[in-house]
Full PDB file with SEQRES, HELIX, SHEET, SSBOND, CRYST1, ORIGX, SCALE, CONECT and MASTER records, all heavy atoms in Angstrom:
SEQRES   1 A   32  PHE ARG LEU ALA LYS ALA TYR ALA GLN LEU GLY GLU ARG          
SEQRES   2 A   32  PRO GLN ALA LEU ASP ALA LEU GLU ALA LEU LEU LYS GLN          
SEQRES   3 A   32  GLY TRP VAL SER ALA SER                                      
HELIX    1 AA1 ARG A    2  GLN A    9  1                                   8    
HELIX    2 AA2 ARG A   13  LEU A   23  1                                  11    
CRYST1    1.000    1.000    1.000  90.00  90.00  90.00 P 1           1          
ORIGX1      1.000000  0.000000  0.000000        0.00000                         
ORIGX2      0.000000  1.000000  0.000000        0.00000                         
ORIGX3      0.000000  0.000000  1.000000        0.00000                         
SCALE1      1.000000  0.000000  0.000000        0.00000                         
SCALE2      0.000000  1.000000  0.000000        0.00000                         
SCALE3      0.000000  0.000000  1.000000        0.00000                         
ATOM      1  N   PHE A   1     107.597  88.844 107.333  1.00  0.00           N  
ATOM      2  CA  PHE A   1     106.680  88.044 108.153  1.00  0.00           C  
ATOM      3  C   PHE A   1     106.407  88.756 109.485  1.00  0.00           C  
ATOM      4  O   PHE A   1     105.260  88.845 109.935  1.00  0.00           O  
ATOM      5  CB  PHE A   1     107.276  86.663 108.396  1.00  0.00           C  
ATOM      6  CG  PHE A   1     106.420  85.771 109.257  1.00  0.00           C  
ATOM      7  CD1 PHE A   1     105.382  85.034 108.713  1.00  0.00           C  
ATOM      8  CD2 PHE A   1     106.648  85.677 110.625  1.00  0.00           C  
ATOM      9  CE1 PHE A   1     104.582  84.217 109.503  1.00  0.00           C  
ATOM     10  CE2 PHE A   1     105.858  84.873 111.426  1.00  0.00           C  
ATOM     11  CZ  PHE A   1     104.822  84.131 110.869  1.00  0.00           C  
ATOM     12  N   ARG A   2     107.448  89.256 110.100  1.00  0.00           N  
ATOM     13  CA  ARG A   2     107.271  89.931 111.390  1.00  0.00           C  
ATOM     14  C   ARG A   2     106.500  91.236 111.234  1.00  0.00           C  
ATOM     15  O   ARG A   2     105.758  91.639 112.137  1.00  0.00           O  
ATOM     16  CB  ARG A   2     108.638  90.186 112.038  1.00  0.00           C  
ATOM     17  CG  ARG A   2     109.310  88.916 112.539  1.00  0.00           C  
ATOM     18  CD  ARG A   2     110.685  89.198 113.085  1.00  0.00           C  
ATOM     19  NE  ARG A   2     111.391  87.965 113.396  1.00  0.00           N  
ATOM     20  CZ  ARG A   2     112.675  87.886 113.648  1.00  0.00           C  
ATOM     21  NH1 ARG A   2     113.428  88.995 113.627  1.00  0.00           N  
ATOM     22  NH2 ARG A   2     113.245  86.730 113.930  1.00  0.00           N  
ATOM     23  N   LEU A   3     106.684  91.895 110.099  1.00  0.00           N  
ATOM     24  CA  LEU A   3     105.930  93.122 109.852  1.00  0.00           C  
ATOM     25  C   LEU A   3     104.430  92.812 109.784  1.00  0.00           C  
ATOM     26  O   LEU A   3     103.609  93.530 110.361  1.00  0.00           O  
ATOM     27  CB  LEU A   3     106.405  93.776 108.562  1.00  0.00           C  
ATOM     28  CG  LEU A   3     105.752  95.121 108.198  1.00  0.00           C  
ATOM     29  CD1 LEU A   3     106.033  96.170 109.286  1.00  0.00           C  
ATOM     30  CD2 LEU A   3     106.253  95.613 106.847  1.00  0.00           C  
ATOM     31  N   ALA A   4     104.085  91.729 109.076  1.00  0.00           N  
ATOM     32  CA  ALA A   4     102.677  91.320 109.023  1.00  0.00           C  
ATOM     33  C   ALA A   4     102.165  90.998 110.424  1.00  0.00           C  
ATOM     34  O   ALA A   4     101.038  91.380 110.794  1.00  0.00           O  
ATOM     35  CB  ALA A   4     102.524  90.104 108.110  1.00  0.00           C  
ATOM     36  N   LYS A   5     102.969  90.335 111.218  1.00  0.00           N  
ATOM     37  CA  LYS A   5     102.579  89.982 112.580  1.00  0.00           C  
ATOM     38  C   LYS A   5     102.375  91.229 113.432  1.00  0.00           C  
ATOM     39  O   LYS A   5     101.393  91.332 114.197  1.00  0.00           O  
ATOM     40  CB  LYS A   5     103.651  89.080 113.204  1.00  0.00           C  
ATOM     41  CG  LYS A   5     103.365  88.643 114.631  1.00  0.00           C  
ATOM     42  CD  LYS A   5     104.468  87.723 115.141  1.00  0.00           C  
ATOM     43  CE  LYS A   5     104.257  87.368 116.609  1.00  0.00           C  
ATOM     44  NZ  LYS A   5     105.327  86.477 117.112  1.00  0.00           N  
ATOM     45  N   ALA A   6     103.279  92.189 113.317  1.00  0.00           N  
ATOM     46  CA  ALA A   6     103.175  93.421 114.112  1.00  0.00           C  
ATOM     47  C   ALA A   6     101.904  94.187 113.753  1.00  0.00           C  
ATOM     48  O   ALA A   6     101.174  94.658 114.637  1.00  0.00           O  
ATOM     49  CB  ALA A   6     104.405  94.292 113.888  1.00  0.00           C  
ATOM     50  N   TYR A   7     101.617  94.312 112.452  1.00  0.00           N  
ATOM     51  CA  TYR A   7     100.385  95.009 112.031  1.00  0.00           C  
ATOM     52  C   TYR A   7      99.140  94.276 112.553  1.00  0.00           C  
ATOM     53  O   TYR A   7      98.175  94.903 112.988  1.00  0.00           O  
ATOM     54  CB  TYR A   7     100.327  95.086 110.507  1.00  0.00           C  
ATOM     55  CG  TYR A   7     101.130  96.221 109.909  1.00  0.00           C  
ATOM     56  CD1 TYR A   7     101.960  96.011 108.807  1.00  0.00           C  
ATOM     57  CD2 TYR A   7     101.033  97.514 110.429  1.00  0.00           C  
ATOM     58  CE1 TYR A   7     102.691  97.052 108.242  1.00  0.00           C  
ATOM     59  CE2 TYR A   7     101.763  98.563 109.863  1.00  0.00           C  
ATOM     60  CZ  TYR A   7     102.582  98.332 108.780  1.00  0.00           C  
ATOM     61  OH  TYR A   7     103.301  99.368 108.222  1.00  0.00           O  
ATOM     62  N   ALA A   8      99.183  92.938 112.503  1.00  0.00           N  
ATOM     63  CA  ALA A   8      98.031  92.170 112.988  1.00  0.00           C  
ATOM     64  C   ALA A   8      97.824  92.388 114.476  1.00  0.00           C  
ATOM     65  O   ALA A   8      96.684  92.538 114.950  1.00  0.00           O  
ATOM     66  CB  ALA A   8      98.235  90.687 112.679  1.00  0.00           C  
ATOM     67  N   GLN A   9      98.924  92.428 115.232  1.00  0.00           N  
ATOM     68  CA  GLN A   9      98.816  92.639 116.679  1.00  0.00           C  
ATOM     69  C   GLN A   9      98.332  94.052 117.002  1.00  0.00           C  
ATOM     70  O   GLN A   9      97.695  94.278 118.029  1.00  0.00           O  
ATOM     71  CB  GLN A   9     100.162  92.359 117.349  1.00  0.00           C  
ATOM     72  CG  GLN A   9     100.505  90.883 117.401  1.00  0.00           C  
ATOM     73  CD  GLN A   9     101.876  90.640 118.010  1.00  0.00           C  
ATOM     74  OE1 GLN A   9     102.891  91.093 117.484  1.00  0.00           O  
ATOM     75  NE2 GLN A   9     101.912  89.918 119.110  1.00  0.00           N  
ATOM     76  N   LEU A  10      98.631  94.990 116.113  1.00  0.00           N  
ATOM     77  CA  LEU A  10      98.156  96.363 116.294  1.00  0.00           C  
ATOM     78  C   LEU A  10      96.705  96.526 115.837  1.00  0.00           C  
ATOM     79  O   LEU A  10      96.111  97.604 116.012  1.00  0.00           O  
ATOM     80  CB  LEU A  10      99.047  97.331 115.509  1.00  0.00           C  
ATOM     81  CG  LEU A  10     100.418  97.638 116.127  1.00  0.00           C  
ATOM     82  CD1 LEU A  10     101.313  98.349 115.117  1.00  0.00           C  
ATOM     83  CD2 LEU A  10     100.264  98.490 117.392  1.00  0.00           C  
ATOM     84  N   GLY A  11      96.147  95.482 115.232  1.00  0.00           N  
ATOM     85  CA  GLY A  11      94.777  95.550 114.744  1.00  0.00           C  
ATOM     86  C   GLY A  11      94.645  96.240 113.407  1.00  0.00           C  
ATOM     87  O   GLY A  11      93.522  96.580 112.980  1.00  0.00           O  
ATOM     88  N   GLU A  12      95.746  96.463 112.702  1.00  0.00           N  
ATOM     89  CA  GLU A  12      95.723  97.129 111.407  1.00  0.00           C  
ATOM     90  C   GLU A  12      95.644  96.059 110.307  1.00  0.00           C  
ATOM     91  O   GLU A  12      96.638  95.676 109.683  1.00  0.00           O  
ATOM     92  CB  GLU A  12      96.968  98.009 111.256  1.00  0.00           C  
ATOM     93  CG  GLU A  12      97.042  99.100 112.326  1.00  0.00           C  
ATOM     94  CD  GLU A  12      98.274  99.982 112.172  1.00  0.00           C  
ATOM     95  OE1 GLU A  12      98.965  99.858 111.144  1.00  0.00           O  
ATOM     96  OE2 GLU A  12      98.539 100.799 113.092  1.00  0.00           O  
ATOM     97  N   ARG A  13      94.412  95.586 110.082  1.00  0.00           N  
ATOM     98  CA  ARG A  13      94.179  94.451 109.195  1.00  0.00           C  
ATOM     99  C   ARG A  13      94.632  94.692 107.756  1.00  0.00           C  
ATOM    100  O   ARG A  13      95.317  93.827 107.175  1.00  0.00           O  
ATOM    101  CB  ARG A  13      92.688  94.052 109.238  1.00  0.00           C  
ATOM    102  CG  ARG A  13      92.265  93.476 110.583  1.00  0.00           C  
ATOM    103  CD  ARG A  13      90.734  93.484 110.757  1.00  0.00           C  
ATOM    104  NE  ARG A  13      90.059  92.641 109.793  1.00  0.00           N  
ATOM    105  CZ  ARG A  13      89.672  91.381 110.018  1.00  0.00           C  
ATOM    106  NH1 ARG A  13      89.932  90.835 111.197  1.00  0.00           N  
ATOM    107  NH2 ARG A  13      89.035  90.696 109.094  1.00  0.00           N  
ATOM    108  N   PRO A  14      94.281  95.818 107.135  1.00  0.00           N  
ATOM    109  CA  PRO A  14      94.717  96.010 105.736  1.00  0.00           C  
ATOM    110  C   PRO A  14      96.239  95.966 105.584  1.00  0.00           C  
ATOM    111  O   PRO A  14      96.764  95.366 104.645  1.00  0.00           O  
ATOM    112  CB  PRO A  14      94.159  97.394 105.378  1.00  0.00           C  
ATOM    113  CG  PRO A  14      93.001  97.587 106.313  1.00  0.00           C  
ATOM    114  CD  PRO A  14      93.423  96.941 107.588  1.00  0.00           C  
ATOM    115  N   GLN A  15      96.945  96.617 106.512  1.00  0.00           N  
ATOM    116  CA  GLN A  15      98.411  96.628 106.436  1.00  0.00           C  
ATOM    117  C   GLN A  15      98.977  95.219 106.661  1.00  0.00           C  
ATOM    118  O   GLN A  15      99.967  94.816 106.027  1.00  0.00           O  
ATOM    119  CB  GLN A  15      98.995  97.601 107.461  1.00  0.00           C  
ATOM    120  CG  GLN A  15      98.730  99.063 107.159  1.00  0.00           C  
ATOM    121  CD  GLN A  15      97.417  99.548 107.760  1.00  0.00           C  
ATOM    122  OE1 GLN A  15      96.508  98.755 108.037  1.00  0.00           O  
ATOM    123  NE2 GLN A  15      97.313 100.864 107.971  1.00  0.00           N  
ATOM    124  N   ALA A  16      98.359  94.461 107.577  1.00  0.00           N  
ATOM    125  CA  ALA A  16      98.809  93.089 107.827  1.00  0.00           C  
ATOM    126  C   ALA A  16      98.632  92.237 106.572  1.00  0.00           C  
ATOM    127  O   ALA A  16      99.523  91.443 106.200  1.00  0.00           O  
ATOM    128  CB  ALA A  16      98.038  92.483 108.999  1.00  0.00           C  
ATOM    129  N   LEU A  17      97.498  92.404 105.910  1.00  0.00           N  
ATOM    130  CA  LEU A  17      97.243  91.645 104.687  1.00  0.00           C  
ATOM    131  C   LEU A  17      98.189  92.073 103.557  1.00  0.00           C  
ATOM    132  O   LEU A  17      98.662  91.238 102.778  1.00  0.00           O  
ATOM    133  CB  LEU A  17      95.789  91.816 104.260  1.00  0.00           C  
ATOM    134  CG  LEU A  17      94.753  91.168 105.214  1.00  0.00           C  
ATOM    135  CD1 LEU A  17      93.355  91.668 104.900  1.00  0.00           C  
ATOM    136  CD2 LEU A  17      94.827  89.653 105.100  1.00  0.00           C  
ATOM    137  N   ASP A  18      98.472  93.385 103.484  1.00  0.00           N  
ATOM    138  CA  ASP A  18      99.447  93.868 102.493  1.00  0.00           C  
ATOM    139  C   ASP A  18     100.800  93.188 102.716  1.00  0.00           C  
ATOM    140  O   ASP A  18     101.464  92.766 101.760  1.00  0.00           O  
ATOM    141  CB  ASP A  18      99.617  95.381 102.605  1.00  0.00           C  
ATOM    142  CG  ASP A  18      98.411  96.151 102.064  1.00  0.00           C  
ATOM    143  OD1 ASP A  18      97.596  95.537 101.347  1.00  0.00           O  
ATOM    144  OD2 ASP A  18      98.302  97.357 102.388  1.00  0.00           O  
ATOM    145  N   ALA A  19     101.206  93.118 103.991  1.00  0.00           N  
ATOM    146  CA  ALA A  19     102.515  92.537 104.322  1.00  0.00           C  
ATOM    147  C   ALA A  19     102.535  91.043 104.011  1.00  0.00           C  
ATOM    148  O   ALA A  19     103.550  90.516 103.520  1.00  0.00           O  
ATOM    149  CB  ALA A  19     102.840  92.778 105.797  1.00  0.00           C  
ATOM    150  N   LEU A  20     101.445  90.333 104.263  1.00  0.00           N  
ATOM    151  CA  LEU A  20     101.390  88.906 103.939  1.00  0.00           C  
ATOM    152  C   LEU A  20     101.457  88.688 102.437  1.00  0.00           C  
ATOM    153  O   LEU A  20     102.162  87.782 101.950  1.00  0.00           O  
ATOM    154  CB  LEU A  20     100.107  88.287 104.504  1.00  0.00           C  
ATOM    155  CG  LEU A  20     100.074  88.019 106.013  1.00  0.00           C  
ATOM    156  CD1 LEU A  20      98.704  87.526 106.447  1.00  0.00           C  
ATOM    157  CD2 LEU A  20     101.143  87.001 106.397  1.00  0.00           C  
ATOM    158  N   GLU A  21     100.745  89.492 101.679  1.00  0.00           N  
ATOM    159  CA  GLU A  21     100.785  89.362 100.221  1.00  0.00           C  
ATOM    160  C   GLU A  21     102.174  89.681  99.685  1.00  0.00           C  
ATOM    161  O   GLU A  21     102.623  89.086  98.683  1.00  0.00           O  
ATOM    162  CB  GLU A  21      99.742  90.281  99.588  1.00  0.00           C  
ATOM    163  CG  GLU A  21      98.311  89.805  99.819  1.00  0.00           C  
ATOM    164  CD  GLU A  21      97.265  90.779  99.297  1.00  0.00           C  
ATOM    165  OE1 GLU A  21      97.592  91.976  99.152  1.00  0.00           O  
ATOM    166  OE2 GLU A  21      96.135  90.343  99.034  1.00  0.00           O  
ATOM    167  N   ALA A  22     102.865  90.596 100.350  1.00  0.00           N  
ATOM    168  CA  ALA A  22     104.220  90.945  99.911  1.00  0.00           C  
ATOM    169  C   ALA A  22     105.184  89.771 100.073  1.00  0.00           C  
ATOM    170  O   ALA A  22     106.208  89.701  99.379  1.00  0.00           O  
ATOM    171  CB  ALA A  22     104.725  92.159 100.691  1.00  0.00           C  
ATOM    172  N   LEU A  23     104.854  88.842 100.995  1.00  0.00           N  
ATOM    173  CA  LEU A  23     105.700  87.651 101.166  1.00  0.00           C  
ATOM    174  C   LEU A  23     105.810  86.859  99.866  1.00  0.00           C  
ATOM    175  O   LEU A  23     106.849  86.270  99.573  1.00  0.00           O  
ATOM    176  CB  LEU A  23     105.124  86.754 102.268  1.00  0.00           C  
ATOM    177  CG  LEU A  23     105.356  87.170 103.718  1.00  0.00           C  
ATOM    178  CD1 LEU A  23     104.553  86.278 104.650  1.00  0.00           C  
ATOM    179  CD2 LEU A  23     106.835  87.095 104.061  1.00  0.00           C  
ATOM    180  N   LEU A  24     104.713  86.840  99.102  1.00  0.00           N  
ATOM    181  CA  LEU A  24     104.699  86.065  97.859  1.00  0.00           C  
ATOM    182  C   LEU A  24     105.553  86.699  96.778  1.00  0.00           C  
ATOM    183  O   LEU A  24     105.849  86.063  95.763  1.00  0.00           O  
ATOM    184  CB  LEU A  24     103.261  85.920  97.351  1.00  0.00           C  
ATOM    185  CG  LEU A  24     102.265  85.256  98.324  1.00  0.00           C  
ATOM    186  CD1 LEU A  24     100.878  85.226  97.704  1.00  0.00           C  
ATOM    187  CD2 LEU A  24     102.723  83.856  98.674  1.00  0.00           C  
ATOM    188  N   LYS A  25     105.945  87.965  96.976  1.00  0.00           N  
ATOM    189  CA  LYS A  25     106.734  88.671  95.977  1.00  0.00           C  
ATOM    190  C   LYS A  25     108.203  88.776  96.370  1.00  0.00           C  
ATOM    191  O   LYS A  25     108.988  89.421  95.684  1.00  0.00           O  
ATOM    192  CB  LYS A  25     106.152  90.069  95.765  1.00  0.00           C  
ATOM    193  CG  LYS A  25     104.693  90.049  95.310  1.00  0.00           C  
ATOM    194  CD  LYS A  25     104.102  91.451  95.250  1.00  0.00           C  
ATOM    195  CE  LYS A  25     102.624  91.420  94.873  1.00  0.00           C  
ATOM    196  NZ  LYS A  25     102.013  92.769  94.885  1.00  0.00           N  
ATOM    197  N   GLN A  26     108.542  88.151  97.501  1.00  0.00           N  
ATOM    198  CA  GLN A  26     109.935  88.177  97.949  1.00  0.00           C  
ATOM    199  C   GLN A  26     110.813  87.403  96.969  1.00  0.00           C  
ATOM    200  O   GLN A  26     110.344  86.543  96.222  1.00  0.00           O  
ATOM    201  CB  GLN A  26     110.051  87.536  99.340  1.00  0.00           C  
ATOM    202  CG  GLN A  26     109.362  88.312 100.454  1.00  0.00           C  
ATOM    203  CD  GLN A  26     110.145  89.563 100.841  1.00  0.00           C  
ATOM    204  OE1 GLN A  26     111.364  89.572 100.851  1.00  0.00           O  
ATOM    205  NE2 GLN A  26     109.430  90.619 101.146  1.00  0.00           N  
ATOM    206  N   GLY A  27     112.106  87.674  97.014  1.00  0.00           N  
ATOM    207  CA  GLY A  27     113.044  86.953  96.164  1.00  0.00           C  
ATOM    208  C   GLY A  27     113.177  85.494  96.555  1.00  0.00           C  
ATOM    209  O   GLY A  27     113.667  84.676  95.785  1.00  0.00           O  
ATOM    210  N   TRP A  28     112.753  85.171  97.770  1.00  0.00           N  
ATOM    211  CA  TRP A  28     112.826  83.783  98.245  1.00  0.00           C  
ATOM    212  C   TRP A  28     111.536  83.482  98.988  1.00  0.00           C  
ATOM    213  O   TRP A  28     111.174  84.175  99.933  1.00  0.00           O  
ATOM    214  CB  TRP A  28     114.036  83.616  99.173  1.00  0.00           C  
ATOM    215  CG  TRP A  28     114.187  82.244  99.754  1.00  0.00           C  
ATOM    216  CD1 TRP A  28     114.787  81.169  99.168  1.00  0.00           C  
ATOM    217  CD2 TRP A  28     113.752  81.797 101.048  1.00  0.00           C  
ATOM    218  NE1 TRP A  28     114.744  80.078 100.000  1.00  0.00           N  
ATOM    219  CE2 TRP A  28     114.119  80.438 101.174  1.00  0.00           C  
ATOM    220  CE3 TRP A  28     113.088  82.398 102.108  1.00  0.00           C  
ATOM    221  CZ2 TRP A  28     113.852  79.684 102.299  1.00  0.00           C  
ATOM    222  CZ3 TRP A  28     112.814  81.656 103.240  1.00  0.00           C  
ATOM    223  CH2 TRP A  28     113.192  80.317 103.333  1.00  0.00           C  
ATOM    224  N   VAL A  29     110.801  82.472  98.528  1.00  0.00           N  
ATOM    225  CA  VAL A  29     109.529  82.101  99.140  1.00  0.00           C  
ATOM    226  C   VAL A  29     109.558  80.598  99.403  1.00  0.00           C  
ATOM    227  O   VAL A  29     109.854  79.812  98.495  1.00  0.00           O  
ATOM    228  CB  VAL A  29     108.320  82.435  98.237  1.00  0.00           C  
ATOM    229  CG1 VAL A  29     107.018  82.091  98.949  1.00  0.00           C  
ATOM    230  CG2 VAL A  29     108.337  83.907  97.846  1.00  0.00           C  
ATOM    231  N   SER A  30     109.244  80.206 100.625  1.00  0.00           N  
ATOM    232  CA  SER A  30     109.229  78.796 100.991  1.00  0.00           C  
ATOM    233  C   SER A  30     107.801  78.310 101.148  1.00  0.00           C  
ATOM    234  O   SER A  30     106.970  78.966 101.779  1.00  0.00           O  
ATOM    235  CB  SER A  30     109.985  78.580 102.301  1.00  0.00           C  
ATOM    236  OG  SER A  30     109.783  77.270 102.781  1.00  0.00           O  
ATOM    237  N   ALA A  31     107.512  77.131 100.598  1.00  0.00           N  
ATOM    238  CA  ALA A  31     106.179  76.558 100.730  1.00  0.00           C  
ATOM    239  C   ALA A  31     105.837  76.286 102.190  1.00  0.00           C  
ATOM    240  O   ALA A  31     104.665  76.299 102.578  1.00  0.00           O  
ATOM    241  CB  ALA A  31     106.080  75.267  99.926  1.00  0.00           C  
ATOM    242  N   SER A  32     106.858  76.036 103.031  1.00  0.00           N  
ATOM    243  CA  SER A  32     106.615  75.766 104.444  1.00  0.00           C  
ATOM    244  C   SER A  32     106.070  76.996 105.168  1.00  0.00           C  
ATOM    245  O   SER A  32     105.570  76.890 106.298  1.00  0.00           O  
ATOM    246  CB  SER A  32     107.905  75.300 105.131  1.00  0.00           C  
ATOM    247  OG  SER A  32     108.893  76.316 105.087  1.00  0.00           O  
TER     248      SER A  32                                                      
MASTER        0    0    0    2    0    0    0    6  247    1    0    3          
END                                                                             
C-alpha cells in the first residue's frame, strides 16, 4: 500500500497502479 502511495506522490502513475493491483494478489486482502 505504501509503495503505491509513494509512486503516486512521485507522479509515477503506471507504477502506482501496478502496486495497487498487486494488493489484490497479496496473501491477505481485506475488503476494508
